[in-house]
Amino acid sequence: MDGIAQSQAELKARQSIAQQVQTHFEVVTDDYQRSVTGEHVDDAMARFETLAREITRTQLTDLRNLGSEKYLTEAGAYTVYVAFEIKKSSMYRHMKKQAKLDAKISKQSLKEIEALLDLEIQKAENAE
């Protein structure tokens, strides 16, 4: 059981980091309607459901596990805390590579993105 708790904690930590970089939402809406008629019944039923799904497609680079702590609760379940770190400069470099591969970005926008990321990389390296 403690292995499952550890895996869940690591997954949630990676998810949290990835969602800070890039995420988008998809919403699916279903509207069900049914009408039942008969000699003694004239009933209409309707059901409306909406599902919001958050999609994260981010490749994380240079992700480091700083450590974890595991506790056994009184109820016999495990609680696990994990700490991950990603170097800003590494992530900015990765974002720069991804921007170069994105065919939707114009050459002018790419230059601006690269200049901005180069500045952020420099700031991050000076802070380290």
C-alpha atoms as a PDB file:
ATOM      1  CA  MET A   1       0.000   0.000   0.000  1.00  0.00           C
ATOM      2  CA  ASP A   2       2.824   2.410   0.726  1.00  0.00           C
ATOM      3  CA  GLY A   3       4.107   1.919  -2.853  1.00  0.00           C
ATOM      4  CA  ILE A   4       0.745   3.002  -4.233  1.00  0.00           C
ATOM      5  CA  ALA A   5       0.699   6.071  -1.978  1.00  0.00           C
ATOM      6  CA  GLN A   6       4.228   6.949  -3.111  1.00  0.00           C
ATOM      7  CA  SER A   7       3.268   6.591  -6.800  1.00  0.00           C
ATOM      8  CA  GLN A   8       0.148   8.722  -6.353  1.00  0.00           C
ATOM      9  CA  ALA A   9       2.093  11.463  -4.580  1.00  0.00           C
ATOM     10  CA  GLU A  10       4.744  11.533  -7.320  1.00  0.00           C
ATOM     11  CA  LEU A  11       2.103  11.579 -10.058  1.00  0.00           C
ATOM     12  CA  LYS A  12       0.259  14.478  -8.426  1.00  0.00           C
ATOM     13  CA  ALA A  13       3.507  16.428  -7.988  1.00  0.00           C
ATOM     14  CA  ARG A  14       4.458  15.974 -11.657  1.00  0.00           C
ATOM     15  CA  GLN A  15       0.924  16.896 -12.681  1.00  0.00           C
ATOM     16  CA  SER A  16       1.044  20.084 -10.633  1.00  0.00           C
ATOM     17  CA  ILE A  17       4.348  21.155 -12.184  1.00  0.00           C
ATOM     18  CA  ALA A  18       3.200  20.339 -15.736  1.00  0.00           C
ATOM     19  CA  GLN A  19      -0.052  22.258 -15.284  1.00  0.00           C
ATOM     20  CA  GLN A  20       1.905  25.346 -14.331  1.00  0.00           C
ATOM     21  CA  VAL A  21       3.615  25.228 -17.725  1.00  0.00           C
ATOM     22  CA  GLN A  22       0.770  24.439 -20.115  1.00  0.00           C
ATOM     23  CA  THR A  23      -2.791  23.184 -19.859  1.00  0.00           C
ATOM     24  CA  HIS A  24      -6.060  23.546 -21.717  1.00  0.00           C
ATOM     25  CA  PHE A  25      -9.630  22.544 -21.075  1.00  0.00           C
ATOM     26  CA  GLU A  26     -12.108  20.510 -23.084  1.00  0.00           C
ATOM     27  CA  VAL A  27     -15.772  20.612 -22.216  1.00  0.00           C
ATOM     28  CA  VAL A  28     -18.221  17.967 -23.330  1.00  0.00           C
ATOM     29  CA  THR A  29     -21.933  18.583 -22.881  1.00  0.00           C
ATOM     30  CA  ASP A  30     -24.629  15.945 -23.300  1.00  0.00           C
ATOM     31  CA  ASP A  31     -28.343  16.710 -23.273  1.00  0.00           C
ATOM     32  CA  TYR A  32     -30.596  13.669 -23.005  1.00  0.00           C
ATOM     33  CA  GLN A  33     -34.341  13.964 -23.356  1.00  0.00           C
ATOM     34  CA  ARG A  34     -36.992  11.279 -23.292  1.00  0.00           C
ATOM     35  CA  SER A  35     -40.725  11.451 -23.449  1.00  0.00           C
ATOM     36  CA  VAL A  36     -42.992   8.654 -22.294  1.00  0.00           C
ATOM     37  CA  THR A  37     -46.685   8.780 -23.206  1.00  0.00           C
ATOM     38  CA  GLY A  38     -49.373   6.294 -22.544  1.00  0.00           C
ATOM     39  CA  GLU A  39     -52.910   5.960 -21.305  1.00  0.00           C
ATOM     40  CA  HIS A  40     -52.130   7.101 -17.768  1.00  0.00           C
ATOM     41  CA  VAL A  41     -48.621   8.501 -18.236  1.00  0.00           C
ATOM     42  CA  ASP A  42     -47.477  11.686 -19.860  1.00  0.00           C
ATOM     43  CA  ASP A  43     -44.005  12.140 -18.498  1.00  0.00           C
ATOM     44  CA  ALA A  44     -40.935  13.873 -19.823  1.00  0.00           C
ATOM     45  CA  MET A  45     -37.486  13.207 -18.493  1.00  0.00           C
ATOM     46  CA  ALA A  46     -34.456  15.316 -19.168  1.00  0.00           C
ATOM     47  CA  ARG A  47     -30.878  14.934 -18.094  1.00  0.00           C
ATOM     48  CA  PHE A  48     -28.162  17.460 -18.763  1.00  0.00           C
ATOM     49  CA  GLU A  49     -24.559  16.555 -18.097  1.00  0.00           C
ATOM     50  CA  THR A  50     -21.389  18.537 -18.539  1.00  0.00           C
ATOM     51  CA  LEU A  51     -17.922  17.094 -18.216  1.00  0.00           C
ATOM     52  CA  ALA A  52     -14.941  19.411 -18.004  1.00  0.00           C
ATOM     53  CA  ARG A  53     -11.645  17.740 -18.707  1.00  0.00           C
ATOM     54  CA  GLU A  54      -8.283  19.366 -18.114  1.00  0.00           C
ATOM     55  CA  ILE A  55      -5.667  18.232 -20.603  1.00  0.00           C
ATOM     56  CA  THR A  56      -1.998  18.698 -19.877  1.00  0.00           C
ATOM     57  CA  ARG A  57       0.558  17.850 -22.527  1.00  0.00           C
ATOM     58  CA  THR A  58       3.901  19.019 -21.266  1.00  0.00           C
ATOM     59  CA  GLN A  59       7.252  17.362 -21.437  1.00  0.00           C
ATOM     60  CA  LEU A  60       9.175  17.976 -18.239  1.00  0.00           C
ATOM     61  CA  THR A  61      12.950  18.055 -18.427  1.00  0.00           C
ATOM     62  CA  ASP A  62      15.519  17.915 -15.660  1.00  0.00           C
ATOM     63  CA  LEU A  63      12.922  17.050 -13.016  1.00  0.00           C
ATOM     64  CA  ARG A  64      14.603  16.105  -9.746  1.00  0.00           C
ATOM     65  CA  ASN A  65      13.107  14.294  -6.794  1.00  0.00           C
ATOM     66  CA  LEU A  66      14.350  16.148  -3.715  1.00  0.00           C
ATOM     67  CA  GLY A  67      12.873  13.649  -1.298  1.00  0.00           C
ATOM     68  CA  SER A  68       9.748  12.248   0.245  1.00  0.00           C
ATOM     69  CA  GLU A  69       8.221  11.586   3.626  1.00  0.00           C
ATOM     70  CA  LYS A  70       5.834   8.742   4.374  1.00  0.00           C
ATOM     71  CA  TYR A  71       3.405   8.556   7.294  1.00  0.00           C
ATOM     72  CA  LEU A  72       1.084   5.813   8.454  1.00  0.00           C
ATOM     73  CA  THR A  73      -2.183   7.286   9.712  1.00  0.00           C
ATOM     74  CA  GLU A  74      -4.149   5.914  12.645  1.00  0.00           C
ATOM     75  CA  ALA A  75      -6.648   4.471  10.167  1.00  0.00           C
ATOM     76  CA  GLY A  76      -3.871   2.379   8.621  1.00  0.00           C
ATOM     77  CA  ALA A  77      -3.576   4.380   5.390  1.00  0.00           C
ATOM     78  CA  TYR A  78      -0.381   5.913   4.093  1.00  0.00           C
ATOM     79  CA  THR A  79       0.137   9.607   3.454  1.00  0.00           C
ATOM     80  CA  VAL A  80       3.124  10.489   1.306  1.00  0.00           C
ATOM     81  CA  TYR A  81       4.596  13.926   0.616  1.00  0.00           C
ATOM     82  CA  VAL A  82       7.084  14.369  -2.209  1.00  0.00           C
ATOM     83  CA  ALA A  83       9.109  17.347  -3.337  1.00  0.00           C
ATOM     84  CA  PHE A  84      10.227  17.782  -6.934  1.00  0.00           C
ATOM     85  CA  GLU A  85      12.378  20.514  -8.383  1.00  0.00           C
ATOM     86  CA  ILE A  86      12.842  21.667 -11.925  1.00  0.00           C
ATOM     87  CA  LYS A  87      15.518  24.184 -12.763  1.00  0.00           C
ATOM     88  CA  LYS A  88      14.020  27.259 -14.382  1.00  0.00           C
ATOM     89  CA  SER A  89      16.874  27.565 -16.870  1.00  0.00           C
ATOM     90  CA  SER A  90      16.388  23.962 -18.041  1.00  0.00           C
ATOM     91  CA  MET A  91      12.658  24.462 -18.478  1.00  0.00           C
ATOM     92  CA  TYR A  92      13.167  27.713 -20.390  1.00  0.00           C
ATOM     93  CA  ARG A  93      15.650  25.971 -22.700  1.00  0.00           C
ATOM     94  CA  HIS A  94      13.114  23.235 -23.322  1.00  0.00           C
ATOM     95  CA  MET A  95      10.407  25.806 -24.050  1.00  0.00           C
ATOM     96  CA  LYS A  96      12.755  27.478 -26.539  1.00  0.00           C
ATOM     97  CA  LYS A  97      13.268  24.147 -28.361  1.00  0.00           C
ATOM     98  CA  GLN A  98       9.515  23.525 -28.404  1.00  0.00           C
ATOM     99  CA  ALA A  99       8.854  26.989 -29.846  1.00  0.00           C
ATOM    100  CA  LYS A 100      11.321  26.298 -32.675  1.00  0.00           C
ATOM    101  CA  LEU A 101       9.448  23.094 -33.520  1.00  0.00           C
ATOM    102  CA  ASP A 102       6.016  24.747 -33.558  1.00  0.00           C
ATOM    103  CA  ALA A 103       5.133  25.460 -37.196  1.00  0.00           C
ATOM    104  CA  LYS A 104       2.261  27.752 -36.159  1.00  0.00           C
ATOM    105  CA  ILE A 105       4.628  30.378 -34.745  1.00  0.00           C
ATOM    106  CA  SER A 106       5.694  33.073 -37.200  1.00  0.00           C
ATOM    107  CA  LYS A 107       9.390  33.924 -37.621  1.00  0.00           C
ATOM    108  CA  GLN A 108       8.898  37.323 -35.973  1.00  0.00           C
ATOM    109  CA  SER A 109       7.064  35.806 -33.003  1.00  0.00           C
ATOM    110  CA  LEU A 110       9.745  33.134 -32.700  1.00  0.00           C
ATOM    111  CA  LYS A 111      12.452  35.803 -32.494  1.00  0.00           C
ATOM    112  CA  GLU A 112      10.520  37.585 -29.746  1.00  0.00           C
ATOM    113  CA  ILE A 113       9.927  34.338 -27.854  1.00  0.00           C
ATOM    114  CA  GLU A 114      13.598  33.383 -28.089  1.00  0.00           C
ATOM    115  CA  ALA A 115      14.711  36.829 -26.899  1.00  0.00           C
ATOM    116  CA  LEU A 116      12.339  36.662 -23.937  1.00  0.00           C
ATOM    117  CA  LEU A 117      13.412  33.124 -23.034  1.00  0.00           C
ATOM    118  CA  ASP A 118      17.112  34.005 -23.380  1.00  0.00           C
ATOM    119  CA  LEU A 119      16.562  36.848 -20.920  1.00  0.00           C
ATOM    120  CA  GLU A 120      14.751  34.527 -18.486  1.00  0.00           C
ATOM    121  CA  ILE A 121      17.469  31.870 -18.847  1.00  0.00           C
ATOM    122  CA  GLN A 122      20.097  34.482 -17.983  1.00  0.00           C
ATOM    123  CA  LYS A 123      18.109  35.648 -14.937  1.00  0.00           C
ATOM    124  CA  ALA A 124      17.613  32.073 -13.747  1.00  0.00           C
ATOM    125  CA  GLU A 125      21.296  31.197 -14.115  1.00  0.00           C
ATOM    126  CA  ASN A 126      22.356  34.330 -12.248  1.00  0.00           C
ATOM    127  CA  ALA A 127      20.007  33.432  -9.390  1.00  0.00           C
ATOM    128  CA  GLU A 128      21.363  29.858  -9.051  1.00  0.00           C
END
